[in-house]
């Protein structure tokens, strides 16, 4: 992570667990409550980590939907 976003241990552990999931390791899609991510990690550090990994993330209905791959996103409807 960027030095501007050094995370406390509990936040770093949250991110580690998030990306240790089978879906994340396989390049699939995962989702988490935005409120939880914002509380535990913080929005700016979370977005910085997604950018560092090259992952797309969208927010909808209080959820972050994370695309754990570097493929382009296209909105179809």
Protein backbone atom coordinates (compact mmCIF):
# COMPACT_ATOMS: atom_id res chain seq x y z
CA UNK A 1 0.00 0.00 0.00
CA UNK A 2 0.98 3.59 -0.48
CA UNK A 3 2.83 4.98 2.55
CA UNK A 4 0.05 7.54 2.95
CA UNK A 5 -2.28 4.68 3.80
CA UNK A 6 -0.39 2.61 6.35
CA UNK A 7 -3.11 0.60 8.02
CA UNK A 8 -3.40 -0.38 11.65
CA UNK A 9 -3.07 -4.14 12.19
CA UNK A 10 -6.84 -4.83 12.44
CA UNK A 11 -7.49 -3.03 9.14
CA UNK A 12 -4.61 -4.81 7.39
CA UNK A 13 -6.00 -8.13 8.67
CA UNK A 14 -9.46 -7.24 7.32
CA UNK A 15 -7.97 -6.60 3.85
CA UNK A 16 -5.88 -9.80 4.04
CA UNK A 17 -8.94 -11.89 4.90
CA UNK A 18 -10.96 -10.22 2.16
CA UNK A 19 -8.47 -11.22 -0.52
CA UNK A 20 -7.71 -14.64 0.93
CA UNK A 21 -11.23 -15.76 0.08
CA UNK A 22 -11.56 -18.42 -2.62
CA UNK A 23 -13.58 -16.08 -4.86
CA UNK A 24 -10.94 -13.34 -4.66
CA UNK A 25 -8.09 -15.77 -5.36
CA UNK A 26 -9.96 -17.06 -8.42
CA UNK A 27 -10.51 -13.55 -9.82
CA UNK A 28 -14.25 -13.54 -9.15
CA UNK A 29 -16.52 -10.90 -7.64
CA UNK A 30 -16.92 -10.29 -3.91
CA UNK A 31 -18.98 -7.80 -1.95
CA UNK A 32 -18.85 -6.24 1.47
CA UNK A 33 -21.01 -3.74 3.33
CA UNK A 34 -19.70 -0.26 2.63
CA UNK A 35 -20.40 0.75 6.23
CA UNK A 36 -18.16 -2.05 7.55
CA UNK A 37 -15.30 -1.32 5.16
CA UNK A 38 -15.52 2.41 5.87
CA UNK A 39 -15.49 1.78 9.63
CA UNK A 40 -12.69 -0.82 9.72
CA UNK A 41 -10.40 0.35 6.91
CA UNK A 42 -11.65 3.75 5.75
CA UNK A 43 -12.87 4.63 2.27
CA UNK A 44 -9.70 6.33 1.03
CA UNK A 45 -7.30 3.56 2.09
CA UNK A 46 -9.71 0.95 0.71
CA UNK A 47 -9.93 2.68 -2.68
CA UNK A 48 -6.14 3.14 -2.72
CA UNK A 49 -5.70 -0.60 -2.18
CA UNK A 50 -8.16 -1.43 -4.97
CA UNK A 51 -6.25 0.87 -7.33
CA UNK A 52 -2.93 -0.66 -6.26
CA UNK A 53 -4.27 -4.12 -7.10
CA UNK A 54 -5.86 -2.89 -10.34
CA UNK A 55 -9.32 -4.06 -9.22
CA UNK A 56 -12.58 -2.40 -10.14
CA UNK A 57 -15.02 -1.56 -7.38
CA UNK A 58 -18.50 -0.10 -7.50
CA UNK A 59 -20.83 1.02 -4.74
CA UNK A 60 -24.53 0.23 -4.81
CA UNK A 61 -27.21 -0.05 -2.13
CA UNK A 62 -24.70 0.17 0.72
CA UNK A 63 -22.42 -2.51 -0.73
CA UNK A 64 -19.00 -2.42 -2.33
CA UNK A 65 -18.82 -4.85 -5.23
CA UNK A 66 -15.20 -5.72 -5.91
CA UNK A 67 -14.09 -7.27 -9.20
CA UNK A 68 -10.97 -9.21 -8.22
CA UNK A 69 -9.38 -9.10 -11.64
CA UNK A 70 -8.09 -6.48 -14.05
CA UNK A 71 -10.65 -7.00 -16.77
CA UNK A 72 -12.51 -3.90 -18.02
CA UNK A 73 -15.98 -3.19 -16.62
CA UNK A 74 -18.88 -2.52 -18.96
CA UNK A 75 -22.32 -1.43 -17.83
CA UNK A 76 -24.89 -3.22 -19.99
CA UNK A 77 -28.12 -1.64 -18.76
